[in-house]
Amino acid sequence: MSNFEYAGTFRLGRRAVKRLGYGAMQLAGPGVFGPPKDHGAALAVLREAVALGVDHIDTSDFYGPHVTNQLIREALHPYPDELVIVTKIGARRGEDKSWNPAFSPDELRQAVHDNLRNLGLDVLDVVNLRVMINPHHPSEGPIEAPLTVLAELQRQGLVRHIGLSHVTPAQVEQGRKICEIVCVQNLYNLANRSDDALVDSLARNGIAFVPYFPLGGFSPLQSAALSDVAAELGATPMQVALAWLLHRAPNILLIPGTSSVGHLRENLDAAGLVLSQGVLARLGSMDAKAAA
């Protein structure tokens, strides 16, 4: 058994996937725009991830745009039966590299078809609706109209499962009244824990929570505390941050991204890192110390 399998599995739609997956966003060029600096290296990371046993890859056709999906297809198609590819719709990229809402019915339908074409699939395993009411943070507002469009595409057989991204707890509840929600993807890490209650609520309901930016938003004080723990454990700060998330709740699925095979292996090894109750308490109090 490899280290990252020690973290176990959690259900994502129709399948149980290993709790450490891979996020493809960093395979595109700077600013998640344009082609990668090293095309061959990008393909190598994807192939190594699957060779090491990763069975959950997160992507979107607006990464690049189109770049990461085309790389995934080139590297891995035809896909292993056990591989779950999760994508997202609801945004588009401007020529100035901006991130813009793309919420109209036509834009949502086109996004699903773009993902299908560029990934080389007949049906998408999981599609997350990225809610862009405010591009900087989740903001309240109705999601019934766009989610109904996505649910119709599901009924047409183009999408197996639906998730939500960049949403509030109230929007999650709105969404669950429209269709089954199998995952929620929000900003969450040791330093950004406003979704603590949502993580626990989703766990009670058997819904996966997928945090992005697992090492974002740390102050110098927090970074020092994290580095101290990492040094004591003979690990990297990123490995400790990922291990904390795996310990935090059983429904958390991780999708750390990297364009380096070496960093990929380090990330997957984080699943083998055992954190004592004392270490968990120290790490869990980090953001409280910074706010004091």
C-alpha atoms as a PDB file:
ATOM      1  CA  MET A   1       0.000   0.000   0.000  1.00  0.00           C
ATOM      2  CA  SER A   2       1.381   3.428  -0.952  1.00  0.00           C
ATOM      3  CA  ASN A   3       1.424   6.203   1.642  1.00  0.00           C
ATOM      4  CA  PHE A   4      -1.463   8.158   0.170  1.00  0.00           C
ATOM      5  CA  GLU A   5      -3.810   5.187   0.371  1.00  0.00           C
ATOM      6  CA  TYR A   6      -3.638   5.256   4.172  1.00  0.00           C
ATOM      7  CA  ALA A   7      -6.036   8.207   4.163  1.00  0.00           C
ATOM      8  CA  GLY A   8      -8.811   5.945   2.932  1.00  0.00           C
ATOM      9  CA  THR A   9     -11.611   6.774   0.522  1.00  0.00           C
ATOM     10  CA  PHE A  10     -14.823   8.774   0.355  1.00  0.00           C
ATOM     11  CA  ARG A  11     -17.721   8.537  -2.038  1.00  0.00           C
ATOM     12  CA  LEU A  12     -17.796  10.975  -4.927  1.00  0.00           C
ATOM     13  CA  GLY A  13     -20.934  10.338  -6.920  1.00  0.00           C
ATOM     14  CA  ARG A  14     -21.168   6.678  -7.885  1.00  0.00           C
ATOM     15  CA  ARG A  15     -17.625   5.778  -6.795  1.00  0.00           C
ATOM     16  CA  ALA A  16     -15.429   5.808  -3.727  1.00  0.00           C
ATOM     17  CA  VAL A  17     -12.210   7.656  -4.542  1.00  0.00           C
ATOM     18  CA  LYS A  18      -8.967   7.983  -2.629  1.00  0.00           C
ATOM     19  CA  ARG A  19      -8.990  11.101  -0.497  1.00  0.00           C
ATOM     20  CA  LEU A  20      -5.891  12.551  -2.128  1.00  0.00           C
ATOM     21  CA  GLY A  21      -6.394  13.402  -5.786  1.00  0.00           C
ATOM     22  CA  TYR A  22      -4.786  15.836  -8.183  1.00  0.00           C
ATOM     23  CA  GLY A  23      -5.778  19.322  -9.343  1.00  0.00           C
ATOM     24  CA  ALA A  24      -4.752  20.180 -12.905  1.00  0.00           C
ATOM     25  CA  MET A  25      -5.036  23.975 -12.735  1.00  0.00           C
ATOM     26  CA  GLN A  26      -1.288  24.615 -12.446  1.00  0.00           C
ATOM     27  CA  LEU A  27      -0.560  22.741 -15.665  1.00  0.00           C
ATOM     28  CA  ALA A  28      -1.621  25.764 -17.742  1.00  0.00           C
ATOM     29  CA  GLY A  29       0.640  28.763 -18.303  1.00  0.00           C
ATOM     30  CA  PRO A  30       1.200  31.712 -15.922  1.00  0.00           C
ATOM     31  CA  GLY A  31      -2.052  33.008 -14.476  1.00  0.00           C
ATOM     32  CA  VAL A  32      -3.716  29.725 -15.526  1.00  0.00           C
ATOM     33  CA  PHE A  33      -3.650  31.102 -19.067  1.00  0.00           C
ATOM     34  CA  GLY A  34      -2.098  29.733 -22.226  1.00  0.00           C
ATOM     35  CA  PRO A  35       0.050  26.643 -22.736  1.00  0.00           C
ATOM     36  CA  PRO A  36       2.458  25.224 -20.148  1.00  0.00           C
ATOM     37  CA  LYS A  37       6.091  26.253 -20.161  1.00  0.00           C
ATOM     38  CA  ASP A  38       7.068  22.604 -20.571  1.00  0.00           C
ATOM     39  CA  HIS A  39       4.495  20.520 -22.427  1.00  0.00           C
ATOM     40  CA  GLY A  40       6.308  17.236 -21.833  1.00  0.00           C
ATOM     41  CA  ALA A  41       6.629  17.887 -18.102  1.00  0.00           C
ATOM     42  CA  ALA A  42       2.891  18.548 -17.852  1.00  0.00           C
ATOM     43  CA  LEU A  43       2.115  15.232 -19.502  1.00  0.00           C
ATOM     44  CA  ALA A  44       4.612  13.487 -17.232  1.00  0.00           C
ATOM     45  CA  VAL A  45       2.905  14.812 -14.069  1.00  0.00           C
ATOM     46  CA  LEU A  46      -0.498  13.546 -15.194  1.00  0.00           C
ATOM     47  CA  ARG A  47       0.862  10.123 -16.138  1.00  0.00           C
ATOM     48  CA  GLU A  48       2.820   9.825 -12.890  1.00  0.00           C
ATOM     49  CA  ALA A  49      -0.272  10.744 -10.852  1.00  0.00           C
ATOM     50  CA  VAL A  50      -2.267   7.911 -12.394  1.00  0.00           C
ATOM     51  CA  ALA A  51       0.696   5.515 -12.188  1.00  0.00           C
ATOM     52  CA  LEU A  52       0.913   6.216  -8.448  1.00  0.00           C
ATOM     53  CA  GLY A  53      -2.771   5.369  -8.026  1.00  0.00           C
ATOM     54  CA  VAL A  54      -4.534   8.751  -8.165  1.00  0.00           C
ATOM     55  CA  ASP A  55      -8.146   8.111  -9.196  1.00  0.00           C
ATOM     56  CA  HIS A  56      -9.598  11.642  -8.922  1.00  0.00           C
ATOM     57  CA  ILE A  57      -8.479  14.538 -11.134  1.00  0.00           C
ATOM     58  CA  ASP A  58      -9.978  18.029 -10.908  1.00  0.00           C
ATOM     59  CA  THR A  59      -9.966  20.314 -13.943  1.00  0.00           C
ATOM     60  CA  SER A  60     -11.988  22.837 -15.947  1.00  0.00           C
ATOM     61  CA  ASP A  61     -12.168  23.892 -19.558  1.00  0.00           C
ATOM     62  CA  PHE A  62     -11.688  27.517 -18.464  1.00  0.00           C
ATOM     63  CA  TYR A  63      -8.183  26.631 -17.240  1.00  0.00           C
ATOM     64  CA  GLY A  64      -6.076  27.857 -20.114  1.00  0.00           C
ATOM     65  CA  PRO A  65      -8.777  28.053 -21.478  1.00  0.00           C
ATOM     66  CA  HIS A  66      -9.013  24.516 -22.877  1.00  0.00           C
ATOM     67  CA  VAL A  67      -5.350  23.807 -22.081  1.00  0.00           C
ATOM     68  CA  THR A  68      -5.601  21.513 -19.058  1.00  0.00           C
ATOM     69  CA  ASN A  69      -8.394  19.401 -20.520  1.00  0.00           C
ATOM     70  CA  GLN A  70      -6.455  18.918 -23.736  1.00  0.00           C
ATOM     71  CA  LEU A  71      -3.369  17.933 -21.750  1.00  0.00           C
ATOM     72  CA  ILE A  72      -5.377  15.427 -19.721  1.00  0.00           C
ATOM     73  CA  ARG A  73      -6.748  13.892 -22.897  1.00  0.00           C
ATOM     74  CA  GLU A  74      -3.320  13.704 -24.533  1.00  0.00           C
ATOM     75  CA  ALA A  75      -1.702  12.174 -21.457  1.00  0.00           C
ATOM     76  CA  LEU A  76      -4.353   9.746 -20.283  1.00  0.00           C
ATOM     77  CA  HIS A  77      -6.966   8.970 -22.949  1.00  0.00           C
ATOM     78  CA  PRO A  78      -8.352   6.306 -23.112  1.00  0.00           C
ATOM     79  CA  TYR A  79      -8.885   6.756 -19.406  1.00  0.00           C
ATOM     80  CA  PRO A  80      -8.525   4.019 -16.780  1.00  0.00           C
ATOM     81  CA  ASP A  81     -11.925   2.707 -15.686  1.00  0.00           C
ATOM     82  CA  GLU A  82     -11.316   3.781 -12.089  1.00  0.00           C
ATOM     83  CA  LEU A  83     -10.414   7.409 -12.911  1.00  0.00           C
ATOM     84  CA  VAL A  84     -12.986  10.067 -11.960  1.00  0.00           C
ATOM     85  CA  ILE A  85     -12.544  13.405 -13.737  1.00  0.00           C
ATOM     86  CA  VAL A  86     -14.288  16.363 -12.105  1.00  0.00           C
ATOM     87  CA  THR A  87     -14.719  19.580 -14.039  1.00  0.00           C
ATOM     88  CA  LYS A  88     -16.503  22.874 -13.454  1.00  0.00           C
ATOM     89  CA  ILE A  89     -18.516  25.422 -15.413  1.00  0.00           C
ATOM     90  CA  GLY A  90     -19.841  28.912 -14.710  1.00  0.00           C
ATOM     91  CA  ALA A  91     -16.859  31.065 -15.675  1.00  0.00           C
ATOM     92  CA  ARG A  92     -14.979  32.125 -18.791  1.00  0.00           C
ATOM     93  CA  ARG A  93     -11.616  33.736 -19.380  1.00  0.00           C
ATOM     94  CA  GLY A  94     -11.190  37.138 -20.958  1.00  0.00           C
ATOM     95  CA  GLU A  95      -8.374  37.903 -23.376  1.00  0.00           C
ATOM     96  CA  ASP A  96      -6.845  39.964 -20.548  1.00  0.00           C
ATOM     97  CA  LYS A  97      -6.706  36.753 -18.424  1.00  0.00           C
ATOM     98  CA  SER A  98      -9.683  37.918 -16.340  1.00  0.00           C
ATOM     99  CA  TRP A  99     -12.144  35.490 -14.747  1.00  0.00           C
ATOM    100  CA  ASN A 100     -15.709  36.350 -15.703  1.00  0.00           C
ATOM    101  CA  PRO A 101     -19.131  34.873 -14.915  1.00  0.00           C
ATOM    102  CA  ALA A 102     -20.626  32.665 -17.629  1.00  0.00           C
ATOM    103  CA  PHE A 103     -24.031  31.863 -16.185  1.00  0.00           C
ATOM    104  CA  SER A 104     -26.470  32.102 -19.087  1.00  0.00           C
ATOM    105  CA  PRO A 105     -28.149  28.872 -20.253  1.00  0.00           C
ATOM    106  CA  ASP A 106     -26.292  28.993 -23.567  1.00  0.00           C
ATOM    107  CA  GLU A 107     -22.922  29.554 -21.846  1.00  0.00           C
ATOM    108  CA  LEU A 108     -23.519  26.688 -19.433  1.00  0.00           C
ATOM    109  CA  ARG A 109     -24.556  24.282 -22.187  1.00  0.00           C
ATOM    110  CA  GLN A 110     -21.594  25.310 -24.317  1.00  0.00           C
ATOM    111  CA  ALA A 111     -19.232  24.806 -21.365  1.00  0.00           C
ATOM    112  CA  VAL A 112     -20.439  21.228 -20.857  1.00  0.00           C
ATOM    113  CA  HIS A 113     -19.962  20.464 -24.546  1.00  0.00           C
ATOM    114  CA  ASP A 114     -16.506  22.109 -24.518  1.00  0.00           C
ATOM    115  CA  ASN A 115     -15.483  19.923 -21.584  1.00  0.00           C
ATOM    116  CA  LEU A 116     -16.796  16.806 -23.299  1.00  0.00           C
ATOM    117  CA  ARG A 117     -14.970  17.588 -26.531  1.00  0.00           C
ATOM    118  CA  ASN A 118     -11.633  18.575 -25.034  1.00  0.00           C
ATOM    119  CA  LEU A 119     -11.572  15.678 -22.579  1.00  0.00           C
ATOM    120  CA  GLY A 120     -12.704  13.212 -25.239  1.00  0.00           C
ATOM    121  CA  LEU A 121     -15.677  11.973 -23.218  1.00  0.00           C
ATOM    122  CA  ASP A 122     -19.304  11.119 -23.944  1.00  0.00           C
ATOM    123  CA  VAL A 123     -20.393  11.909 -20.392  1.00  0.00           C
ATOM    124  CA  LEU A 124     -18.771  13.940 -17.600  1.00  0.00           C
ATOM    125  CA  ASP A 125     -18.384  12.157 -14.240  1.00  0.00           C
ATOM    126  CA  VAL A 126     -18.918  15.225 -12.032  1.00  0.00           C
ATOM    127  CA  VAL A 127     -19.566  18.846 -13.000  1.00  0.00           C
ATOM    128  CA  ASN A 128     -19.291  21.592 -10.386  1.00  0.00           C
ATOM    129  CA  LEU A 129     -21.301  24.763 -10.906  1.00  0.00           C
ATOM    130  CA  ARG A 130     -18.932  27.626 -10.066  1.00  0.00           C
ATOM    131  CA  VAL A 131     -21.074  30.419  -8.607  1.00  0.00           C
ATOM    132  CA  MET A 132     -19.585  33.763  -9.649  1.00  0.00           C
ATOM    133  CA  ILE A 133     -22.010  36.226  -8.047  1.00  0.00           C
ATOM    134  CA  ASN A 134     -18.884  37.748  -6.530  1.00  0.00           C
ATOM    135  CA  PRO A 135     -15.605  36.474  -8.054  1.00  0.00           C
ATOM    136  CA  HIS A 136     -13.650  37.131  -4.853  1.00  0.00           C
ATOM    137  CA  HIS A 137     -15.715  35.288  -2.238  1.00  0.00           C
ATOM    138  CA  PRO A 138     -18.969  33.336  -1.943  1.00  0.00           C
ATOM    139  CA  SER A 139     -21.945  35.713  -1.883  1.00  0.00           C
ATOM    140  CA  GLU A 140     -25.623  35.109  -1.323  1.00  0.00           C
ATOM    141  CA  GLY A 141     -27.898  35.000  -4.334  1.00  0.00           C
ATOM    142  CA  PRO A 142     -30.185  32.622  -6.207  1.00  0.00           C
ATOM    143  CA  ILE A 143     -28.637  29.681  -8.047  1.00  0.00           C
ATOM    144  CA  GLU A 144     -31.839  27.972  -9.158  1.00  0.00           C
ATOM    145  CA  ALA A 145     -31.703  29.122 -12.797  1.00  0.00           C
ATOM    146  CA  PRO A 146     -28.152  27.965 -13.664  1.00  0.00           C
ATOM    147  CA  LEU A 147     -28.383  24.819 -11.569  1.00  0.00           C
ATOM    148  CA  THR A 148     -31.631  23.865 -13.316  1.00  0.00           C
ATOM    149  CA  VAL A 149     -29.795  24.103 -16.662  1.00  0.00           C
ATOM    150  CA  LEU A 150     -27.078  21.776 -15.364  1.00  0.00           C
ATOM    151  CA  ALA A 151     -29.681  19.376 -13.963  1.00  0.00           C
ATOM    152  CA  GLU A 152     -31.325  19.234 -17.389  1.00  0.00           C
ATOM    153  CA  LEU A 153     -27.975  18.333 -18.970  1.00  0.00           C
ATOM    154  CA  GLN A 154     -27.737  15.596 -16.355  1.00  0.00           C
ATOM    155  CA  ARG A 155     -31.155  14.262 -17.382  1.00  0.00           C
ATOM    156  CA  GLN A 156     -29.952  14.274 -20.991  1.00  0.00           C
ATOM    157  CA  GLY A 157     -27.130  11.922 -19.985  1.00  0.00           C
ATOM    158  CA  LEU A 158     -24.244  14.355 -20.533  1.00  0.00           C
ATOM    159  CA  VAL A 159     -23.443  14.692 -16.804  1.00  0.00           C
ATOM    160  CA  ARG A 160     -23.503  11.930 -14.173  1.00  0.00           C
ATOM    161  CA  HIS A 161     -23.206  13.965 -10.983  1.00  0.00           C
ATOM    162  CA  ILE A 162     -23.407  17.612  -9.931  1.00  0.00           C
ATOM    163  CA  GLY A 163     -21.434  19.616  -7.381  1.00  0.00           C
ATOM    164  CA  LEU A 164     -21.174  23.257  -6.324  1.00  0.00           C
ATOM    165  CA  SER A 165     -18.174  25.568  -6.052  1.00  0.00           C
ATOM    166  CA  HIS A 166     -17.649  28.968  -4.391  1.00  0.00           C
ATOM    167  CA  VAL A 167     -20.960  28.820  -2.524  1.00  0.00           C
ATOM    168  CA  THR A 168     -22.553  29.697   0.809  1.00  0.00           C
ATOM    169  CA  PRO A 169     -24.287  27.169   3.081  1.00  0.00           C
ATOM    170  CA  ALA A 170     -27.645  28.666   2.069  1.00  0.00           C
ATOM    171  CA  GLN A 171     -26.834  28.058  -1.602  1.00  0.00           C
ATOM    172  CA  VAL A 172     -25.918  24.463  -0.826  1.00  0.00           C
ATOM    173  CA  GLU A 173     -29.376  24.012   0.670  1.00  0.00           C
ATOM    174  CA  GLN A 174     -30.951  25.702  -2.370  1.00  0.00           C
ATOM    175  CA  GLY A 175     -29.038  23.338  -4.605  1.00  0.00           C
ATOM    176  CA  ARG A 176     -30.023  20.189  -2.731  1.00  0.00           C
ATOM    177  CA  LYS A 177     -33.692  21.018  -3.342  1.00  0.00           C
ATOM    178  CA  ILE A 178     -33.055  21.052  -7.110  1.00  0.00           C
ATOM    179  CA  CYS A 179     -30.817  18.013  -7.592  1.00  0.00           C
ATOM    180  CA  GLU A 180     -28.477  15.712  -5.724  1.00  0.00           C
ATOM    181  CA  ILE A 181     -25.252  17.515  -4.776  1.00  0.00           C
ATOM    182  CA  VAL A 182     -22.292  15.152  -4.452  1.00  0.00           C
ATOM    183  CA  CYS A 183     -19.546  17.656  -3.548  1.00  0.00           C
ATOM    184  CA  VAL A 184     -18.834  21.248  -2.568  1.00  0.00           C
ATOM    185  CA  GLN A 185     -15.583  22.975  -3.533  1.00  0.00           C
ATOM    186  CA  ASN A 186     -14.711  26.073  -1.486  1.00  0.00           C
ATOM    187  CA  LEU A 187     -11.679  27.882  -0.121  1.00  0.00           C
ATOM    188  CA  TYR A 188     -10.680  26.194   3.122  1.00  0.00           C
ATOM    189  CA  ASN A 189      -7.415  25.570   4.951  1.00  0.00           C
ATOM    190  CA  LEU A 190      -5.752  26.006   8.331  1.00  0.00           C
ATOM    191  CA  ALA A 191      -5.854  29.801   8.028  1.00  0.00           C
ATOM    192  CA  ASN A 192      -9.237  30.111   6.317  1.00  0.00           C
ATOM    193  CA  ARG A 193     -11.801  28.155   8.280  1.00  0.00           C
ATOM    194  CA  SER A 194     -15.040  30.071   7.862  1.00  0.00           C
ATOM    195  CA  ASP A 195     -16.596  26.917   6.386  1.00  0.00           C
ATOM    196  CA  ASP A 196     -16.031  24.797   9.519  1.00  0.00           C
ATOM    197  CA  ALA A 197     -19.763  24.351  10.107  1.00  0.00           C
ATOM    198  CA  LEU A 198     -20.378  23.588   6.417  1.00  0.00           C
ATOM    199  CA  VAL A 199     -17.675  20.892   6.389  1.00  0.00           C
ATOM    200  CA  ASP A 200     -19.355  19.171   9.334  1.00  0.00           C
ATOM    201  CA  SER A 201     -22.860  19.537   7.899  1.00  0.00           C
ATOM    202  CA  LEU A 202     -21.787  18.005   4.597  1.00  0.00           C
ATOM    203  CA  ALA A 203     -20.050  15.153   6.433  1.00  0.00           C
ATOM    204  CA  ARG A 204     -23.293  14.327   8.226  1.00  0.00           C
ATOM    205  CA  ASN A 205     -25.044  14.184   4.859  1.00  0.00           C
ATOM    206  CA  GLY A 206     -22.395  12.079   3.114  1.00  0.00           C
ATOM    207  CA  ILE A 207     -21.363  14.915   0.768  1.00  0.00           C
ATOM    208  CA  ALA A 208     -17.705  15.437  -0.141  1.00  0.00           C
ATOM    209  CA  PHE A 209     -15.983  18.746   0.664  1.00  0.00           C
ATOM    210  CA  VAL A 210     -13.102  19.664  -1.622  1.00  0.00           C
ATOM    211  CA  PRO A 211     -10.952  22.560  -0.350  1.00  0.00           C
ATOM    212  CA  TYR A 212      -8.925  24.661  -2.731  1.00  0.00           C
ATOM    213  CA  PHE A 213      -5.833  26.757  -1.885  1.00  0.00           C
ATOM    214  CA  PRO A 214      -4.834  24.365   0.939  1.00  0.00           C
ATOM    215  CA  LEU A 215      -1.846  26.571   1.841  1.00  0.00           C
ATOM    216  CA  GLY A 216      -3.226  30.026   0.982  1.00  0.00           C
ATOM    217  CA  GLY A 217      -3.653  33.039   3.253  1.00  0.00           C
ATOM    218  CA  PHE A 218      -1.060  32.292   5.920  1.00  0.00           C
ATOM    219  CA  SER A 219       0.406  35.124   7.968  1.00  0.00           C
ATOM    220  CA  PRO A 220       4.110  35.105   8.952  1.00  0.00           C
ATOM    221  CA  LEU A 221       3.098  33.975  12.438  1.00  0.00           C
ATOM    222  CA  GLN A 222       1.054  31.102  11.074  1.00  0.00           C
ATOM    223  CA  SER A 223       3.725  30.101   8.607  1.00  0.00           C
ATOM    224  CA  ALA A 224       6.318  29.955  11.384  1.00  0.00           C
ATOM    225  CA  ALA A 225       4.058  27.735  13.499  1.00  0.00           C
ATOM    226  CA  LEU A 226       3.408  25.452  10.545  1.00  0.00           C
ATOM    227  CA  SER A 227       7.108  25.292   9.700  1.00  0.00           C
ATOM    228  CA  ASP A 228       7.950  24.412  13.313  1.00  0.00           C
ATOM    229  CA  VAL A 229       5.552  21.461  13.294  1.00  0.00           C
ATOM    230  CA  ALA A 230       6.840  20.342   9.891  1.00  0.00           C
ATOM    231  CA  ALA A 231      10.447  20.396  11.129  1.00  0.00           C
ATOM    232  CA  GLU A 232       9.513  18.315  14.176  1.00  0.00           C
ATOM    233  CA  LEU A 233       7.813  15.724  11.959  1.00  0.00           C
ATOM    234  CA  GLY A 234      10.485  15.670   9.248  1.00  0.00           C
ATOM    235  CA  ALA A 235       7.933  16.838   6.701  1.00  0.00           C
ATOM    236  CA  THR A 236       7.293  19.913   4.557  1.00  0.00           C
ATOM    237  CA  PRO A 237       4.818  22.625   5.607  1.00  0.00           C
ATOM    238  CA  MET A 238       2.607  21.690   2.634  1.00  0.00           C
ATOM    239  CA  GLN A 239       2.545  18.055   3.741  1.00  0.00           C
ATOM    240  CA  VAL A 240       1.500  19.091   7.248  1.00  0.00           C
ATOM    241  CA  ALA A 241      -1.213  21.397   5.910  1.00  0.00           C
ATOM    242  CA  LEU A 242      -2.575  18.609   3.703  1.00  0.00           C
ATOM    243  CA  ALA A 243      -2.384  16.071   6.536  1.00  0.00           C
ATOM    244  CA  TRP A 244      -4.313  18.446   8.818  1.00  0.00           C
ATOM    245  CA  LEU A 245      -7.094  18.664   6.241  1.00  0.00           C
ATOM    246  CA  LEU A 246      -7.234  14.865   5.984  1.00  0.00           C
ATOM    247  CA  HIS A 247      -7.500  14.638   9.771  1.00  0.00           C
ATOM    248  CA  ARG A 248     -10.090  17.433   9.911  1.00  0.00           C
ATOM    249  CA  ALA A 249     -13.058  15.462   8.547  1.00  0.00           C
ATOM    250  CA  PRO A 250     -13.590  12.147   6.742  1.00  0.00           C
ATOM    251  CA  ASN A 251     -15.486  13.759   3.834  1.00  0.00           C
ATOM    252  CA  ILE A 252     -12.603  16.031   2.797  1.00  0.00           C
ATOM    253  CA  LEU A 253     -11.103  15.176  -0.590  1.00  0.00           C
ATOM    254  CA  LEU A 254      -7.880  16.960  -1.518  1.00  0.00           C
ATOM    255  CA  ILE A 255      -6.803  18.066  -4.983  1.00  0.00           C
ATOM    256  CA  PRO A 256      -3.393  19.726  -4.513  1.00  0.00           C
ATOM    257  CA  GLY A 257      -2.007  20.946  -7.810  1.00  0.00           C
ATOM    258  CA  THR A 258       1.557  21.023  -9.060  1.00  0.00           C
ATOM    259  CA  SER A 259       3.468  21.017 -12.314  1.00  0.00           C
ATOM    260  CA  SER A 260       6.332  19.031 -10.760  1.00  0.00           C
ATOM    261  CA  VAL A 261       6.581  15.248 -10.460  1.00  0.00           C
ATOM    262  CA  GLY A 262       8.660  15.679  -7.306  1.00  0.00           C
ATOM    263  CA  HIS A 263       6.054  17.877  -5.633  1.00  0.00           C
ATOM    264  CA  LEU A 264       3.328  15.486  -6.739  1.00  0.00           C
ATOM    265  CA  ARG A 265       5.034  12.654  -4.872  1.00  0.00           C
ATOM    266  CA  GLU A 266       5.530  14.857  -1.798  1.00  0.00           C
ATOM    267  CA  ASN A 267       1.852  15.799  -1.793  1.00  0.00           C
ATOM    268  CA  LEU A 268       0.709  12.186  -2.018  1.00  0.00           C
ATOM    269  CA  ASP A 269       3.080  11.197   0.788  1.00  0.00           C
ATOM    270  CA  ALA A 270       1.222  13.631   3.073  1.00  0.00           C
ATOM    271  CA  ALA A 271      -1.481  11.004   3.506  1.00  0.00           C
ATOM    272  CA  GLY A 272       0.965   8.845   5.438  1.00  0.00           C
ATOM    273  CA  LEU A 273       1.678  11.614   7.954  1.00  0.00           C
ATOM    274  CA  VAL A 274       0.122  10.867  11.351  1.00  0.00           C
ATOM    275  CA  LEU A 275      -0.617  13.945  13.455  1.00  0.00           C
ATOM    276  CA  SER A 276      -0.908  13.504  17.220  1.00  0.00           C
ATOM    277  CA  GLN A 277      -3.706  15.125  19.191  1.00  0.00           C
ATOM    278  CA  GLY A 278      -1.176  17.606  20.541  1.00  0.00           C
ATOM    279  CA  VAL A 279      -0.043  18.600  17.058  1.00  0.00           C
ATOM    280  CA  LEU A 280      -3.644  18.858  15.869  1.00  0.00           C
ATOM    281  CA  ALA A 281      -4.430  21.163  18.787  1.00  0.00           C
ATOM    282  CA  ARG A 282      -1.440  23.391  17.997  1.00  0.00           C
ATOM    283  CA  LEU A 283      -2.354  23.596  14.346  1.00  0.00           C
ATOM    284  CA  GLY A 284      -6.048  24.118  15.049  1.00  0.00           C
ATOM    285  CA  SER A 285      -5.335  27.176  17.184  1.00  0.00           C
ATOM    286  CA  MET A 286      -3.193  28.913  14.568  1.00  0.00           C
ATOM    287  CA  ASP A 287      -5.779  31.268  13.098  1.00  0.00           C
ATOM    288  CA  ALA A 288      -7.056  32.155  16.573  1.00  0.00           C
ATOM    289  CA  LYS A 289      -3.531  33.255  17.561  1.00  0.00           C
ATOM    290  CA  ALA A 290      -3.171  35.357  14.426  1.00  0.00           C
ATOM    291  CA  ALA A 291      -6.491  37.091  15.083  1.00  0.00           C
ATOM    292  CA  ALA A 292      -5.686  37.875  18.729  1.00  0.00           C
END
